[in-house]
Amino acid sequence: MMDAIAEHEYDKVIVGKAKAYINDVEPLAVKYIGKKRLKLKACLGVIWATQCPEKLFSYIDEQIRAVKWEDSEVLSECFRELAKI
């Protein structure tokens, strides 16, 4: 799939940079991309996030909306500091 994407000259650089990024971050993210198939998926995710961030953000937006922000101590502390201003 990545090779097919890289056939387009413009996207070839994006694919190369995405692969390099995932290779660099892999030792630090073994928990998330410790298997070969997960590494490939992560690389495709980086490529697609670069090519069409609006579409990928809709998934992230769903995750953001699912968080119970009112239960977050970190956010409560941040907003307490903002309220003082």
C-alpha atoms as a PDB file:
ATOM      1  CA  MET A   1       0.000   0.000   0.000  1.00  0.00           C
ATOM      2  CA  MET A   2       2.763   2.431   0.928  1.00  0.00           C
ATOM      3  CA  ASP A   3       4.688   1.570  -2.224  1.00  0.00           C
ATOM      4  CA  ALA A   4       1.595   2.319  -4.287  1.00  0.00           C
ATOM      5  CA  ILE A   5       1.167   5.670  -2.539  1.00  0.00           C
ATOM      6  CA  ALA A   6       4.854   6.427  -3.131  1.00  0.00           C
ATOM      7  CA  GLU A   7       4.441   5.959  -6.894  1.00  0.00           C
ATOM      8  CA  HIS A   8       3.211   9.556  -7.028  1.00  0.00           C
ATOM      9  CA  GLU A   9       6.248  11.830  -6.932  1.00  0.00           C
ATOM     10  CA  TYR A  10       4.658  14.307  -4.512  1.00  0.00           C
ATOM     11  CA  ASP A  11       3.699  11.572  -2.025  1.00  0.00           C
ATOM     12  CA  LYS A  12       7.005   9.708  -2.308  1.00  0.00           C
ATOM     13  CA  VAL A  13       8.663  12.149   0.093  1.00  0.00           C
ATOM     14  CA  ILE A  14       5.761  11.916   2.537  1.00  0.00           C
ATOM     15  CA  VAL A  15       5.976   8.118   2.575  1.00  0.00           C
ATOM     16  CA  GLY A  16       9.737   8.226   3.121  1.00  0.00           C
ATOM     17  CA  LYS A  17       9.466  10.715   5.977  1.00  0.00           C
ATOM     18  CA  ALA A  18       6.603   8.757   7.579  1.00  0.00           C
ATOM     19  CA  LYS A  19       8.652   5.545   7.497  1.00  0.00           C
ATOM     20  CA  ALA A  20      11.653   7.363   8.984  1.00  0.00           C
ATOM     21  CA  TYR A  21       9.514   8.870  11.749  1.00  0.00           C
ATOM     22  CA  ILE A  22       7.979   5.527  12.721  1.00  0.00           C
ATOM     23  CA  ASN A  23      11.417   3.885  12.687  1.00  0.00           C
ATOM     24  CA  ASP A  24      12.717   6.631  14.998  1.00  0.00           C
ATOM     25  CA  VAL A  25       9.794   6.469  17.422  1.00  0.00           C
ATOM     26  CA  GLU A  26       9.410   2.677  17.455  1.00  0.00           C
ATOM     27  CA  PRO A  27      11.904   2.014  20.295  1.00  0.00           C
ATOM     28  CA  LEU A  28      10.028   4.544  22.437  1.00  0.00           C
ATOM     29  CA  ALA A  29       6.567   3.260  21.505  1.00  0.00           C
ATOM     30  CA  VAL A  30       6.948  -0.512  21.777  1.00  0.00           C
ATOM     31  CA  LYS A  31       3.769  -0.583  23.863  1.00  0.00           C
ATOM     32  CA  TYR A  32       1.840   0.751  20.860  1.00  0.00           C
ATOM     33  CA  ILE A  33       3.750  -0.455  17.813  1.00  0.00           C
ATOM     34  CA  GLY A  34       5.721  -3.448  19.067  1.00  0.00           C
ATOM     35  CA  LYS A  35       4.554  -5.735  16.269  1.00  0.00           C
ATOM     36  CA  LYS A  36       5.367  -5.494  12.573  1.00  0.00           C
ATOM     37  CA  ARG A  37       1.728  -5.146  11.494  1.00  0.00           C
ATOM     38  CA  LEU A  38       1.155  -2.367  14.037  1.00  0.00           C
ATOM     39  CA  LYS A  39       4.253  -0.578  12.806  1.00  0.00           C
ATOM     40  CA  LEU A  40       2.896  -0.728   9.251  1.00  0.00           C
ATOM     41  CA  LYS A  41      -0.486   0.572  10.420  1.00  0.00           C
ATOM     42  CA  ALA A  42       1.209   3.401  12.302  1.00  0.00           C
ATOM     43  CA  CYS A  43       3.158   4.359   9.203  1.00  0.00           C
ATOM     44  CA  LEU A  44      -0.004   4.378   7.089  1.00  0.00           C
ATOM     45  CA  GLY A  45      -1.700   6.437   9.781  1.00  0.00           C
ATOM     46  CA  VAL A  46       1.057   9.051   9.607  1.00  0.00           C
ATOM     47  CA  ILE A  47       0.832   9.149   5.811  1.00  0.00           C
ATOM     48  CA  TRP A  48      -2.952   9.493   5.792  1.00  0.00           C
ATOM     49  CA  ALA A  49      -2.925  12.045   8.611  1.00  0.00           C
ATOM     50  CA  THR A  50      -0.554  14.110   6.485  1.00  0.00           C
ATOM     51  CA  GLN A  51      -2.533  13.697   3.273  1.00  0.00           C
ATOM     52  CA  CYS A  52      -5.989  14.312   4.710  1.00  0.00           C
ATOM     53  CA  PRO A  53      -5.890  15.615   8.289  1.00  0.00           C
ATOM     54  CA  GLU A  54      -9.570  16.656   8.206  1.00  0.00           C
ATOM     55  CA  LYS A  55     -10.729  13.074   7.744  1.00  0.00           C
ATOM     56  CA  LEU A  56      -8.433  11.650  10.396  1.00  0.00           C
ATOM     57  CA  PHE A  57      -9.384  14.362  12.832  1.00  0.00           C
ATOM     58  CA  SER A  58     -13.022  13.263  12.773  1.00  0.00           C
ATOM     59  CA  TYR A  59     -11.936  10.019  14.453  1.00  0.00           C
ATOM     60  CA  ILE A  60      -9.827  11.933  16.968  1.00  0.00           C
ATOM     61  CA  ASP A  61     -12.746  14.280  17.552  1.00  0.00           C
ATOM     62  CA  GLU A  62     -14.901  11.274  18.495  1.00  0.00           C
ATOM     63  CA  GLN A  63     -12.263  10.240  21.033  1.00  0.00           C
ATOM     64  CA  ILE A  64     -12.069  13.761  22.449  1.00  0.00           C
ATOM     65  CA  ARG A  65     -15.841  13.901  22.857  1.00  0.00           C
ATOM     66  CA  ALA A  66     -15.834  10.510  24.635  1.00  0.00           C
ATOM     67  CA  VAL A  67     -13.559  11.743  27.437  1.00  0.00           C
ATOM     68  CA  LYS A  68     -15.312  12.771  30.652  1.00  0.00           C
ATOM     69  CA  TRP A  69     -13.475  16.071  30.944  1.00  0.00           C
ATOM     70  CA  GLU A  70     -15.333  17.044  34.102  1.00  0.00           C
ATOM     71  CA  ASP A  71     -13.665  14.084  35.878  1.00  0.00           C
ATOM     72  CA  SER A  72     -10.117  15.080  34.900  1.00  0.00           C
ATOM     73  CA  GLU A  73      -8.079  16.397  37.815  1.00  0.00           C
ATOM     74  CA  VAL A  74      -5.437  17.805  35.450  1.00  0.00           C
ATOM     75  CA  LEU A  75      -8.015  19.855  33.556  1.00  0.00           C
ATOM     76  CA  SER A  76      -9.696  20.979  36.768  1.00  0.00           C
ATOM     77  CA  GLU A  77      -6.371  22.306  38.011  1.00  0.00           C
ATOM     78  CA  CYS A  78      -5.704  24.094  34.713  1.00  0.00           C
ATOM     79  CA  PHE A  79      -9.111  25.743  34.724  1.00  0.00           C
ATOM     80  CA  ARG A  80      -8.681  26.747  38.384  1.00  0.00           C
ATOM     81  CA  GLU A  81      -5.524  28.605  37.384  1.00  0.00           C
ATOM     82  CA  LEU A  82      -7.316  30.254  34.448  1.00  0.00           C
ATOM     83  CA  ALA A  83     -10.184  31.316  36.708  1.00  0.00           C
ATOM     84  CA  LYS A  84      -7.703  33.226  38.856  1.00  0.00           C
ATOM     85  CA  ILE A  85      -6.705  35.408  35.890  1.00  0.00           C
END
